[in-house]
N, C-alpha and C. Protein backbone atom coordinates (compact mmCIF):
# COMPACT_ATOMS: atom_id res chain seq x y z
N MET A 1 -4.90 0.69 5.18
CA MET A 1 -3.93 -0.32 4.76
C MET A 1 -4.47 -1.71 5.02
N GLN A 2 -3.91 -2.69 4.29
CA GLN A 2 -4.21 -4.08 4.58
C GLN A 2 -3.50 -4.48 5.87
N VAL A 3 -4.13 -5.31 6.64
CA VAL A 3 -3.53 -5.81 7.87
C VAL A 3 -3.39 -7.31 7.75
N GLY A 4 -2.16 -7.80 7.88
CA GLY A 4 -1.93 -9.23 7.76
C GLY A 4 -1.80 -9.92 9.11
N HIS A 5 -1.62 -9.15 10.18
CA HIS A 5 -1.43 -9.73 11.51
C HIS A 5 -1.90 -8.72 12.53
N CYS A 6 -2.66 -9.17 13.52
CA CYS A 6 -3.26 -8.26 14.49
C CYS A 6 -2.57 -8.30 15.84
N GLY A 7 -1.46 -9.03 15.96
CA GLY A 7 -0.79 -9.13 17.24
C GLY A 7 0.28 -8.08 17.41
N SER A 8 1.21 -8.34 18.33
CA SER A 8 2.30 -7.41 18.60
C SER A 8 3.21 -7.29 17.39
N GLN A 9 3.57 -6.04 17.04
CA GLN A 9 4.44 -5.82 15.89
C GLN A 9 5.82 -6.41 16.12
N SER A 10 6.37 -6.24 17.34
CA SER A 10 7.70 -6.77 17.62
C SER A 10 7.70 -8.29 17.57
N THR A 11 6.64 -8.93 18.06
CA THR A 11 6.54 -10.38 18.02
C THR A 11 6.49 -10.87 16.58
N TYR A 12 5.74 -10.16 15.73
CA TYR A 12 5.62 -10.54 14.33
C TYR A 12 6.96 -10.38 13.61
N THR A 13 7.68 -9.30 13.94
CA THR A 13 9.00 -9.09 13.34
C THR A 13 9.97 -10.19 13.74
N ASP A 14 9.94 -10.58 15.01
CA ASP A 14 10.80 -11.67 15.48
C ASP A 14 10.46 -12.97 14.76
N LEU A 15 9.16 -13.19 14.50
CA LEU A 15 8.74 -14.40 13.79
C LEU A 15 9.29 -14.41 12.37
N LEU A 16 9.23 -13.26 11.69
CA LEU A 16 9.77 -13.18 10.33
C LEU A 16 11.28 -13.41 10.33
N GLN A 17 11.97 -12.80 11.28
CA GLN A 17 13.43 -12.95 11.36
C GLN A 17 13.81 -14.41 11.61
N SER A 18 13.02 -15.10 12.41
CA SER A 18 13.34 -16.50 12.72
C SER A 18 13.20 -17.41 11.51
N LYS A 19 12.45 -16.99 10.51
CA LYS A 19 12.24 -17.82 9.32
C LYS A 19 13.30 -17.57 8.24
N LEU A 20 14.18 -16.58 8.45
CA LEU A 20 15.20 -16.27 7.47
C LEU A 20 16.38 -17.23 7.60
N PRO A 21 17.16 -17.41 6.53
CA PRO A 21 18.36 -18.26 6.62
C PRO A 21 19.36 -17.67 7.62
N PRO A 22 20.24 -18.48 8.17
CA PRO A 22 21.25 -17.99 9.12
C PRO A 22 22.10 -16.88 8.50
N GLY A 23 22.28 -15.79 9.24
CA GLY A 23 23.09 -14.67 8.77
C GLY A 23 22.34 -13.65 7.94
N ALA A 24 21.10 -13.95 7.56
CA ALA A 24 20.32 -13.01 6.75
C ALA A 24 19.74 -11.91 7.64
N MET A 25 19.44 -10.77 7.02
CA MET A 25 18.93 -9.62 7.76
C MET A 25 17.58 -9.20 7.21
N LEU A 26 16.68 -8.83 8.11
CA LEU A 26 15.36 -8.34 7.74
C LEU A 26 15.42 -6.82 7.63
N CYS A 27 15.18 -6.30 6.45
CA CYS A 27 15.16 -4.85 6.21
C CYS A 27 13.75 -4.44 5.79
N GLY A 28 12.92 -4.20 6.77
CA GLY A 28 11.54 -3.82 6.47
C GLY A 28 11.46 -2.48 5.76
N ILE A 29 10.69 -2.44 4.69
CA ILE A 29 10.54 -1.23 3.89
C ILE A 29 9.33 -0.44 4.38
N ILE A 30 9.50 0.85 4.55
CA ILE A 30 8.41 1.75 4.94
C ILE A 30 8.16 2.71 3.78
N LEU A 31 6.94 2.75 3.30
CA LEU A 31 6.55 3.63 2.22
C LEU A 31 5.60 4.70 2.72
N SER A 32 5.58 5.81 2.04
CA SER A 32 4.64 6.89 2.37
C SER A 32 4.30 7.63 1.09
N SER A 33 3.03 7.93 0.90
CA SER A 33 2.61 8.68 -0.28
C SER A 33 1.39 9.51 0.08
N ASN A 34 1.26 10.63 -0.62
CA ASN A 34 0.12 11.52 -0.39
C ASN A 34 0.08 12.54 -1.52
N LYS A 35 -1.07 12.62 -2.17
CA LYS A 35 -1.22 13.60 -3.25
C LYS A 35 -1.19 15.01 -2.64
N THR A 36 -0.33 15.86 -3.20
CA THR A 36 -0.06 17.18 -2.61
C THR A 36 -0.28 18.28 -3.64
N HIS A 37 -0.97 19.34 -3.23
CA HIS A 37 -1.15 20.51 -4.08
C HIS A 37 0.10 21.39 -4.01
N ILE A 38 0.69 21.66 -5.17
CA ILE A 38 1.86 22.52 -5.23
C ILE A 38 1.44 23.98 -5.32
N THR A 39 0.48 24.27 -6.19
CA THR A 39 -0.03 25.63 -6.35
C THR A 39 -1.55 25.59 -6.36
N ASN A 40 -2.16 26.47 -5.60
CA ASN A 40 -3.62 26.60 -5.58
C ASN A 40 -4.11 27.81 -6.38
N MET A 41 -3.25 28.79 -6.53
CA MET A 41 -3.64 30.03 -7.19
C MET A 41 -3.24 30.08 -8.66
N CYS A 42 -2.34 29.21 -9.08
CA CYS A 42 -1.81 29.28 -10.46
C CYS A 42 -1.98 27.95 -11.17
N GLY A 43 -3.21 27.54 -11.38
CA GLY A 43 -3.47 26.33 -12.15
C GLY A 43 -3.70 25.08 -11.35
N GLY A 44 -3.54 25.13 -10.05
CA GLY A 44 -3.81 23.97 -9.21
C GLY A 44 -2.93 22.77 -9.53
N LYS A 45 -1.62 22.97 -9.61
CA LYS A 45 -0.70 21.88 -9.90
C LYS A 45 -0.65 20.90 -8.74
N VAL A 46 -0.63 19.61 -9.09
CA VAL A 46 -0.67 18.55 -8.07
C VAL A 46 0.46 17.57 -8.34
N THR A 47 1.09 17.09 -7.28
CA THR A 47 2.10 16.04 -7.39
C THR A 47 1.76 14.91 -6.42
N HIS A 48 2.23 13.72 -6.75
CA HIS A 48 1.92 12.54 -5.93
C HIS A 48 3.22 11.77 -5.66
N PRO A 49 4.01 12.22 -4.69
CA PRO A 49 5.30 11.56 -4.42
C PRO A 49 5.14 10.27 -3.64
N LEU A 50 6.03 9.33 -3.92
CA LEU A 50 6.14 8.09 -3.17
C LEU A 50 7.50 8.10 -2.47
N LEU A 51 7.49 8.11 -1.13
CA LEU A 51 8.71 8.15 -0.33
C LEU A 51 9.02 6.77 0.22
N ILE A 52 10.31 6.53 0.46
CA ILE A 52 10.73 5.22 0.95
C ILE A 52 11.71 5.40 2.10
N SER A 53 11.63 4.50 3.07
CA SER A 53 12.56 4.48 4.20
C SER A 53 12.76 3.04 4.64
N CYS A 54 13.60 2.85 5.62
CA CYS A 54 13.91 1.51 6.13
C CYS A 54 13.47 1.39 7.58
N GLY A 55 12.84 0.27 7.90
CA GLY A 55 12.34 0.07 9.25
C GLY A 55 13.44 -0.10 10.28
N ASN A 56 14.68 -0.32 9.84
CA ASN A 56 15.80 -0.48 10.78
C ASN A 56 16.32 0.85 11.31
N ILE A 57 15.84 1.95 10.75
CA ILE A 57 16.25 3.28 11.22
C ILE A 57 15.48 3.63 12.49
N LYS A 58 16.17 4.17 13.46
CA LYS A 58 15.53 4.49 14.74
C LYS A 58 14.61 5.70 14.61
N MET A 59 13.59 5.74 15.45
CA MET A 59 12.56 6.78 15.40
C MET A 59 13.12 8.20 15.52
N PRO A 60 14.10 8.48 16.40
CA PRO A 60 14.62 9.86 16.48
C PRO A 60 15.15 10.39 15.15
N MET A 61 15.67 9.52 14.30
CA MET A 61 16.15 9.96 12.99
C MET A 61 15.00 10.25 12.05
N TRP A 62 13.91 9.47 12.16
CA TRP A 62 12.73 9.74 11.33
C TRP A 62 12.14 11.11 11.64
N ASN A 63 12.19 11.51 12.90
CA ASN A 63 11.55 12.75 13.32
C ASN A 63 12.32 14.00 12.90
N LYS A 64 13.52 13.84 12.37
CA LYS A 64 14.32 14.99 11.94
C LYS A 64 14.37 15.01 10.41
N ALA A 65 13.68 15.98 9.82
CA ALA A 65 13.63 16.06 8.36
C ALA A 65 15.01 16.30 7.76
N SER A 66 15.90 16.97 8.51
CA SER A 66 17.23 17.28 7.99
C SER A 66 18.08 16.04 7.77
N LEU A 67 17.72 14.92 8.41
CA LEU A 67 18.49 13.69 8.27
C LEU A 67 18.07 12.86 7.06
N HIS A 68 16.97 13.27 6.41
CA HIS A 68 16.51 12.64 5.16
C HIS A 68 16.33 11.13 5.31
N ALA A 69 15.62 10.74 6.36
CA ALA A 69 15.35 9.32 6.56
C ALA A 69 14.40 8.78 5.49
N PHE A 70 13.54 9.66 4.95
CA PHE A 70 12.66 9.29 3.85
C PHE A 70 13.19 9.92 2.56
N LEU A 71 13.34 9.10 1.52
CA LEU A 71 13.84 9.56 0.23
C LEU A 71 12.76 9.43 -0.83
N LEU A 72 12.82 10.29 -1.82
CA LEU A 72 11.86 10.23 -2.92
C LEU A 72 12.16 9.00 -3.77
N ASN A 73 11.19 8.12 -3.87
CA ASN A 73 11.35 6.89 -4.66
C ASN A 73 10.79 7.05 -6.07
N ALA A 74 9.64 7.72 -6.19
CA ALA A 74 9.03 7.91 -7.51
C ALA A 74 7.94 8.96 -7.39
N LEU A 75 7.51 9.45 -8.55
CA LEU A 75 6.37 10.35 -8.64
C LEU A 75 5.24 9.62 -9.38
N ILE A 76 4.14 9.41 -8.68
CA ILE A 76 2.99 8.73 -9.28
C ILE A 76 2.32 9.69 -10.28
N PRO A 77 1.99 9.25 -11.49
CA PRO A 77 1.32 10.14 -12.45
C PRO A 77 -0.02 10.65 -11.92
N VAL A 78 -0.27 11.91 -12.14
CA VAL A 78 -1.57 12.52 -11.81
C VAL A 78 -2.23 12.90 -13.13
N VAL A 79 -3.28 12.19 -13.48
CA VAL A 79 -3.90 12.36 -14.81
C VAL A 79 -5.37 12.70 -14.66
N LYS A 80 -5.94 13.20 -15.74
CA LYS A 80 -7.38 13.47 -15.83
C LYS A 80 -7.97 12.52 -16.85
N PHE A 81 -8.91 11.71 -16.43
CA PHE A 81 -9.52 10.71 -17.30
C PHE A 81 -10.69 11.32 -18.07
N ILE A 82 -10.99 10.72 -19.23
CA ILE A 82 -12.05 11.25 -20.09
C ILE A 82 -13.22 10.29 -20.20
N HIS A 83 -13.31 9.32 -19.27
CA HIS A 83 -14.44 8.39 -19.28
C HIS A 83 -15.73 9.19 -19.11
N PRO A 84 -16.78 8.84 -19.89
CA PRO A 84 -18.03 9.62 -19.82
C PRO A 84 -18.72 9.57 -18.46
N MET A 85 -18.44 8.55 -17.66
CA MET A 85 -19.03 8.47 -16.33
C MET A 85 -18.03 8.97 -15.29
N PRO A 86 -18.29 10.10 -14.64
CA PRO A 86 -17.33 10.64 -13.65
C PRO A 86 -17.00 9.65 -12.54
N ARG A 87 -17.97 8.78 -12.16
CA ARG A 87 -17.72 7.83 -11.08
C ARG A 87 -16.59 6.86 -11.43
N MET A 88 -16.41 6.60 -12.72
CA MET A 88 -15.37 5.67 -13.15
C MET A 88 -13.97 6.27 -13.06
N HIS A 89 -13.89 7.60 -12.93
CA HIS A 89 -12.58 8.25 -12.86
C HIS A 89 -11.80 7.78 -11.64
N SER A 90 -12.47 7.66 -10.50
CA SER A 90 -11.78 7.21 -9.29
C SER A 90 -11.36 5.74 -9.41
N VAL A 91 -12.17 4.95 -10.12
CA VAL A 91 -11.82 3.54 -10.33
C VAL A 91 -10.56 3.43 -11.19
N LEU A 92 -10.53 4.21 -12.27
CA LEU A 92 -9.37 4.21 -13.15
C LEU A 92 -8.13 4.75 -12.44
N GLU A 93 -8.33 5.74 -11.57
CA GLU A 93 -7.22 6.27 -10.79
C GLU A 93 -6.63 5.21 -9.87
N ALA A 94 -7.51 4.41 -9.25
CA ALA A 94 -7.04 3.33 -8.38
C ALA A 94 -6.29 2.27 -9.18
N TRP A 95 -6.79 1.95 -10.38
CA TRP A 95 -6.11 1.00 -11.25
C TRP A 95 -4.70 1.50 -11.57
N LEU A 96 -4.61 2.77 -11.98
CA LEU A 96 -3.32 3.34 -12.34
C LEU A 96 -2.37 3.35 -11.15
N PHE A 97 -2.88 3.67 -9.97
CA PHE A 97 -2.06 3.73 -8.76
C PHE A 97 -1.45 2.38 -8.45
N HIS A 98 -2.25 1.33 -8.50
CA HIS A 98 -1.75 -0.01 -8.20
C HIS A 98 -0.79 -0.49 -9.29
N GLU A 99 -1.07 -0.16 -10.55
CA GLU A 99 -0.18 -0.57 -11.62
C GLU A 99 1.19 0.08 -11.48
N CYS A 100 1.20 1.37 -11.13
CA CYS A 100 2.46 2.08 -10.93
C CYS A 100 3.24 1.51 -9.76
N LEU A 101 2.56 1.26 -8.65
CA LEU A 101 3.25 0.69 -7.49
C LEU A 101 3.81 -0.69 -7.80
N ASP A 102 3.09 -1.47 -8.59
CA ASP A 102 3.56 -2.81 -8.95
C ASP A 102 4.86 -2.72 -9.74
N ILE A 103 4.97 -1.74 -10.64
CA ILE A 103 6.19 -1.57 -11.44
C ILE A 103 7.33 -1.03 -10.58
N ILE A 104 7.02 -0.01 -9.76
CA ILE A 104 8.05 0.64 -8.95
C ILE A 104 8.64 -0.31 -7.91
N LEU A 105 7.77 -1.12 -7.29
CA LEU A 105 8.21 -1.97 -6.19
C LEU A 105 8.63 -3.36 -6.63
N HIS A 106 8.67 -3.61 -7.92
CA HIS A 106 9.03 -4.94 -8.42
C HIS A 106 10.41 -5.39 -7.92
N PRO A 107 11.46 -4.54 -7.96
CA PRO A 107 12.76 -4.99 -7.43
C PRO A 107 12.72 -5.35 -5.95
N LEU A 108 11.92 -4.60 -5.16
CA LEU A 108 11.82 -4.91 -3.73
C LEU A 108 11.08 -6.23 -3.51
N LYS A 109 10.10 -6.52 -4.35
CA LYS A 109 9.38 -7.80 -4.24
C LYS A 109 10.33 -8.97 -4.48
N ILE A 110 11.19 -8.81 -5.48
CA ILE A 110 12.16 -9.88 -5.77
C ILE A 110 13.12 -10.05 -4.60
N ALA A 111 13.61 -8.93 -4.06
CA ALA A 111 14.53 -9.00 -2.91
C ALA A 111 13.85 -9.61 -1.69
N ALA A 112 12.55 -9.37 -1.53
CA ALA A 112 11.82 -9.94 -0.40
C ALA A 112 11.68 -11.45 -0.53
N GLN A 113 11.72 -11.96 -1.76
CA GLN A 113 11.55 -13.39 -1.98
C GLN A 113 12.88 -14.14 -2.01
N VAL A 114 13.88 -13.58 -2.70
CA VAL A 114 15.12 -14.33 -2.90
C VAL A 114 16.34 -13.65 -2.28
N ARG A 115 16.16 -12.52 -1.60
CA ARG A 115 17.18 -11.73 -0.89
C ARG A 115 18.09 -10.97 -1.85
N GLN A 116 18.76 -9.96 -1.30
CA GLN A 116 19.67 -9.11 -2.06
C GLN A 116 20.88 -8.80 -1.18
N MET A 117 22.06 -8.88 -1.77
CA MET A 117 23.28 -8.59 -1.01
C MET A 117 23.42 -7.08 -0.84
N MET A 118 23.52 -6.62 0.41
CA MET A 118 23.66 -5.20 0.71
C MET A 118 24.75 -5.02 1.76
N SER A 119 25.30 -3.81 1.81
CA SER A 119 26.34 -3.50 2.81
C SER A 119 25.74 -2.64 3.91
N ASP A 120 26.21 -2.84 5.15
CA ASP A 120 25.75 -2.04 6.27
C ASP A 120 26.62 -0.78 6.37
N PRO A 121 26.33 0.13 7.33
CA PRO A 121 27.09 1.39 7.42
C PRO A 121 28.60 1.22 7.60
N ILE A 122 29.06 0.07 8.10
CA ILE A 122 30.50 -0.10 8.30
C ILE A 122 31.13 -0.99 7.22
N GLY A 123 30.35 -1.31 6.19
CA GLY A 123 30.91 -2.03 5.05
C GLY A 123 30.74 -3.53 5.04
N ASN A 124 30.11 -4.10 6.05
CA ASN A 124 29.89 -5.54 6.07
C ASN A 124 28.73 -5.90 5.14
N LEU A 125 28.86 -7.02 4.43
CA LEU A 125 27.83 -7.47 3.50
C LEU A 125 26.86 -8.41 4.19
N HIS A 126 25.58 -8.25 3.85
CA HIS A 126 24.53 -9.09 4.43
C HIS A 126 23.55 -9.49 3.33
N HIS A 127 22.97 -10.67 3.48
CA HIS A 127 21.85 -11.06 2.64
C HIS A 127 20.59 -10.45 3.26
N CYS A 128 19.95 -9.53 2.54
CA CYS A 128 18.82 -8.77 3.10
C CYS A 128 17.52 -9.13 2.40
N PHE A 129 16.49 -9.27 3.19
CA PHE A 129 15.13 -9.46 2.69
C PHE A 129 14.35 -8.16 2.94
N THR A 130 13.54 -7.75 1.96
CA THR A 130 12.90 -6.43 2.03
C THR A 130 11.37 -6.50 1.97
N PRO A 131 10.73 -7.05 2.99
CA PRO A 131 9.26 -7.04 2.98
C PRO A 131 8.72 -5.65 3.29
N LEU A 132 7.50 -5.38 2.85
CA LEU A 132 6.85 -4.11 3.16
C LEU A 132 6.39 -4.14 4.61
N ALA A 133 7.00 -3.32 5.45
CA ALA A 133 6.70 -3.33 6.88
C ALA A 133 5.56 -2.37 7.23
N ALA A 134 5.47 -1.24 6.53
CA ALA A 134 4.44 -0.26 6.85
C ALA A 134 4.23 0.66 5.66
N TYR A 135 3.03 1.24 5.59
CA TYR A 135 2.71 2.21 4.55
C TYR A 135 2.00 3.36 5.24
N ILE A 136 2.63 4.53 5.22
CA ILE A 136 2.09 5.71 5.91
C ILE A 136 1.32 6.56 4.90
N THR A 137 0.05 6.78 5.15
CA THR A 137 -0.76 7.57 4.23
C THR A 137 -2.02 8.03 4.94
N ASN A 138 -2.86 8.79 4.24
CA ASN A 138 -4.12 9.25 4.83
C ASN A 138 -5.22 8.22 4.55
N THR A 139 -6.40 8.46 5.11
CA THR A 139 -7.48 7.47 5.02
C THR A 139 -7.95 7.22 3.59
N PRO A 140 -8.21 8.25 2.76
CA PRO A 140 -8.65 7.96 1.39
C PRO A 140 -7.66 7.11 0.61
N GLU A 141 -6.38 7.41 0.76
CA GLU A 141 -5.38 6.62 0.03
C GLU A 141 -5.22 5.25 0.64
N ALA A 142 -5.43 5.12 1.95
CA ALA A 142 -5.38 3.81 2.58
C ALA A 142 -6.48 2.91 2.03
N CYS A 143 -7.66 3.49 1.78
CA CYS A 143 -8.76 2.72 1.18
C CYS A 143 -8.39 2.30 -0.24
N MET A 144 -7.72 3.19 -0.98
CA MET A 144 -7.28 2.86 -2.33
C MET A 144 -6.28 1.72 -2.31
N LEU A 145 -5.35 1.74 -1.35
CA LEU A 145 -4.35 0.69 -1.23
C LEU A 145 -4.99 -0.64 -0.85
N ALA A 146 -5.99 -0.58 0.03
CA ALA A 146 -6.67 -1.79 0.49
C ALA A 146 -7.72 -2.28 -0.50
N CYS A 147 -7.93 -1.53 -1.59
CA CYS A 147 -8.89 -1.91 -2.64
C CYS A 147 -10.32 -1.96 -2.13
N VAL A 148 -10.67 -1.09 -1.20
CA VAL A 148 -12.03 -1.07 -0.67
C VAL A 148 -12.75 0.19 -1.12
N HIS A 149 -14.06 0.10 -1.14
CA HIS A 149 -14.92 1.19 -1.55
C HIS A 149 -14.91 2.29 -0.50
N GLY A 150 -15.34 3.48 -0.89
CA GLY A 150 -15.42 4.58 0.07
C GLY A 150 -16.37 4.27 1.21
N LYS A 151 -16.15 4.92 2.35
CA LYS A 151 -16.94 4.72 3.56
C LYS A 151 -16.81 3.29 4.09
N THR A 152 -15.66 2.68 3.84
CA THR A 152 -15.36 1.33 4.34
C THR A 152 -14.02 1.37 5.04
N SER A 153 -13.92 0.70 6.18
CA SER A 153 -12.67 0.67 6.91
C SER A 153 -11.61 -0.10 6.13
N PRO A 154 -10.40 0.45 5.97
CA PRO A 154 -9.34 -0.29 5.28
C PRO A 154 -8.65 -1.33 6.15
N VAL A 155 -8.91 -1.33 7.46
CA VAL A 155 -8.23 -2.26 8.36
C VAL A 155 -9.15 -3.28 9.00
N THR A 156 -10.46 -3.08 8.95
CA THR A 156 -11.42 -4.05 9.48
C THR A 156 -12.52 -4.26 8.44
N MET A 157 -13.41 -5.20 8.71
CA MET A 157 -14.51 -5.50 7.80
C MET A 157 -15.72 -4.59 8.02
N ALA A 158 -15.57 -3.55 8.80
CA ALA A 158 -16.69 -2.65 9.11
C ALA A 158 -16.90 -1.65 7.97
N SER A 159 -18.17 -1.36 7.69
CA SER A 159 -18.53 -0.29 6.77
C SER A 159 -18.99 0.91 7.59
N TYR A 160 -19.38 1.98 6.90
CA TYR A 160 -19.76 3.19 7.62
C TYR A 160 -20.96 2.97 8.54
N LYS A 161 -21.77 1.96 8.26
CA LYS A 161 -22.94 1.69 9.10
C LYS A 161 -22.53 1.05 10.44
N ASN A 162 -21.30 0.54 10.51
CA ASN A 162 -20.85 -0.17 11.71
C ASN A 162 -19.78 0.58 12.48
N PHE A 163 -19.44 1.81 12.05
CA PHE A 163 -18.33 2.52 12.68
C PHE A 163 -18.59 2.83 14.16
N GLY A 164 -19.85 2.88 14.57
CA GLY A 164 -20.15 3.19 15.97
C GLY A 164 -20.26 1.98 16.86
N ASN A 165 -20.02 0.79 16.34
CA ASN A 165 -20.14 -0.43 17.13
C ASN A 165 -19.10 -0.46 18.25
N ALA A 166 -19.48 -1.08 19.36
CA ALA A 166 -18.60 -1.12 20.53
C ALA A 166 -17.71 -2.35 20.56
N PHE A 167 -17.64 -3.10 19.46
CA PHE A 167 -16.80 -4.29 19.43
C PHE A 167 -15.88 -4.21 18.22
N TRP A 168 -14.80 -5.00 18.25
CA TRP A 168 -13.80 -5.01 17.19
C TRP A 168 -14.24 -5.95 16.07
N HIS A 169 -14.32 -5.43 14.86
CA HIS A 169 -14.67 -6.25 13.71
C HIS A 169 -13.47 -7.06 13.24
N GLN A 170 -13.73 -8.04 12.42
CA GLN A 170 -12.66 -8.89 11.90
C GLN A 170 -11.67 -8.07 11.10
N CYS A 171 -10.40 -8.50 11.12
CA CYS A 171 -9.36 -7.80 10.37
C CYS A 171 -9.59 -7.92 8.87
N HIS A 172 -9.28 -6.85 8.17
CA HIS A 172 -9.39 -6.84 6.70
C HIS A 172 -8.05 -7.27 6.12
N THR A 173 -7.89 -8.55 5.88
CA THR A 173 -6.63 -9.10 5.42
C THR A 173 -6.55 -9.11 3.89
N GLY A 174 -5.32 -9.19 3.40
CA GLY A 174 -5.14 -9.28 1.96
C GLY A 174 -5.74 -10.55 1.39
N ALA A 175 -5.65 -11.65 2.12
CA ALA A 175 -6.21 -12.93 1.66
C ALA A 175 -7.72 -12.83 1.49
N ARG A 176 -8.37 -12.11 2.40
CA ARG A 176 -9.82 -11.96 2.31
C ARG A 176 -10.20 -11.14 1.07
N THR A 177 -9.43 -10.08 0.82
CA THR A 177 -9.70 -9.24 -0.35
C THR A 177 -9.50 -10.02 -1.64
N LEU A 178 -8.40 -10.78 -1.73
CA LEU A 178 -8.15 -11.57 -2.93
C LEU A 178 -9.22 -12.63 -3.14
N ALA A 179 -9.74 -13.19 -2.04
CA ALA A 179 -10.81 -14.18 -2.16
C ALA A 179 -12.08 -13.54 -2.74
N HIS A 180 -12.38 -12.32 -2.29
CA HIS A 180 -13.55 -11.62 -2.84
C HIS A 180 -13.36 -11.31 -4.31
N ILE A 181 -12.16 -10.87 -4.68
CA ILE A 181 -11.88 -10.55 -6.09
C ILE A 181 -12.04 -11.80 -6.95
N SER A 182 -11.60 -12.94 -6.44
CA SER A 182 -11.69 -14.18 -7.23
C SER A 182 -13.12 -14.61 -7.49
N HIS A 183 -14.06 -14.16 -6.66
CA HIS A 183 -15.46 -14.52 -6.83
C HIS A 183 -16.17 -13.67 -7.89
N ILE A 184 -15.52 -12.64 -8.38
CA ILE A 184 -16.14 -11.76 -9.37
C ILE A 184 -15.89 -12.32 -10.76
N GLN A 185 -16.94 -12.83 -11.38
CA GLN A 185 -16.84 -13.44 -12.70
C GLN A 185 -17.19 -12.42 -13.77
N CYS A 186 -16.19 -11.65 -14.16
CA CYS A 186 -16.40 -10.59 -15.14
C CYS A 186 -15.05 -10.16 -15.69
N ASP A 187 -15.04 -9.72 -16.95
CA ASP A 187 -13.82 -9.20 -17.54
C ASP A 187 -13.48 -7.86 -16.91
N PRO A 188 -12.33 -7.73 -16.24
CA PRO A 188 -11.97 -6.45 -15.59
C PRO A 188 -11.88 -5.28 -16.57
N ASN A 189 -11.66 -5.58 -17.86
CA ASN A 189 -11.58 -4.50 -18.84
C ASN A 189 -12.93 -3.84 -19.07
N ASP A 190 -14.01 -4.54 -18.71
CA ASP A 190 -15.34 -3.93 -18.72
C ASP A 190 -15.49 -3.21 -17.38
N VAL A 191 -14.89 -2.03 -17.29
CA VAL A 191 -14.73 -1.35 -16.01
C VAL A 191 -16.07 -1.10 -15.32
N LYS A 192 -17.05 -0.64 -16.07
CA LYS A 192 -18.35 -0.30 -15.48
C LYS A 192 -19.02 -1.51 -14.86
N ARG A 193 -19.10 -2.63 -15.60
CA ARG A 193 -19.75 -3.83 -15.08
C ARG A 193 -18.94 -4.45 -13.95
N TYR A 194 -17.62 -4.44 -14.09
CA TYR A 194 -16.76 -5.01 -13.05
C TYR A 194 -16.94 -4.26 -11.74
N PHE A 195 -16.99 -2.93 -11.82
CA PHE A 195 -17.18 -2.14 -10.61
C PHE A 195 -18.54 -2.40 -9.98
N THR A 196 -19.56 -2.59 -10.82
CA THR A 196 -20.90 -2.89 -10.31
C THR A 196 -20.90 -4.19 -9.51
N LEU A 197 -20.19 -5.20 -10.01
CA LEU A 197 -20.12 -6.48 -9.29
C LEU A 197 -19.27 -6.38 -8.03
N CYS A 198 -18.32 -5.44 -8.01
CA CYS A 198 -17.47 -5.26 -6.84
C CYS A 198 -18.22 -4.67 -5.65
N LYS A 199 -19.32 -3.98 -5.94
CA LYS A 199 -20.05 -3.29 -4.86
C LYS A 199 -20.54 -4.23 -3.78
N GLN A 200 -20.89 -5.46 -4.17
CA GLN A 200 -21.42 -6.40 -3.17
C GLN A 200 -20.38 -6.75 -2.11
N PHE A 201 -19.10 -6.63 -2.47
CA PHE A 201 -18.02 -6.89 -1.51
C PHE A 201 -17.39 -5.60 -1.00
N ARG A 202 -17.96 -4.47 -1.40
CA ARG A 202 -17.46 -3.15 -1.04
C ARG A 202 -16.00 -2.98 -1.48
N LEU A 203 -15.71 -3.43 -2.69
CA LEU A 203 -14.38 -3.28 -3.26
C LEU A 203 -14.36 -2.08 -4.19
N SER A 204 -13.16 -1.58 -4.46
CA SER A 204 -13.01 -0.35 -5.23
C SER A 204 -13.01 -0.58 -6.73
N GLY A 205 -12.88 -1.83 -7.17
CA GLY A 205 -12.85 -2.12 -8.60
C GLY A 205 -11.49 -2.47 -9.13
N VAL A 206 -10.46 -2.52 -8.27
CA VAL A 206 -9.11 -2.91 -8.69
C VAL A 206 -9.04 -4.42 -8.81
N ALA A 207 -8.61 -4.90 -9.99
CA ALA A 207 -8.57 -6.33 -10.24
C ALA A 207 -7.25 -6.96 -9.85
N LYS A 208 -6.14 -6.18 -9.93
CA LYS A 208 -4.82 -6.71 -9.62
C LYS A 208 -4.10 -5.79 -8.64
N PRO A 209 -4.30 -6.00 -7.33
CA PRO A 209 -3.60 -5.17 -6.34
C PRO A 209 -2.08 -5.33 -6.46
N PHE A 210 -1.34 -4.28 -6.15
CA PHE A 210 0.12 -4.34 -6.28
C PHE A 210 0.76 -5.28 -5.29
N TRP A 211 0.07 -5.53 -4.16
CA TRP A 211 0.66 -6.36 -3.14
C TRP A 211 0.40 -7.84 -3.37
């Protein structure tokens, strides 16, 4: 995942809350996704669910599946590409993944910017802001979300050659990734050439991240 702040999570949450208008509520959104095999013996059917939860829910409720703290938000399309170069299939998959997330999360992005009126469990109305607080996923998908190439850390600037270092590398922030993307002077629709130019920054080839 992208990391925007390396300090205490509670301190960062308090900072965000302090910047909201009086009476507004911070409703951090937690997402989770993972491509899952439904059948291995009968055609290898695969599904890619996107689950959603709220950061205001306490941990004991998250740990009980029967309480349904995570709800199905969408199903990401799982497709087979016909590009003649197999290496481009993963690039196109990352493009599709970010495009789908951008469409699915568009209402939450608007609410995070201009707030949305919501009711709490006892019926009181609040102006709520919905920033993305966390994204739970595995390492390959975390790299896809962070728009980085394989064998690259999604949370630091370290590549596979530096994984054994005894010191902490710089954080891999969204601003740093967008700066690298802006330096690539190429039409993104020329997928092969664009991906070639992305290699110098160890990027995955995604031109427009959903975040």
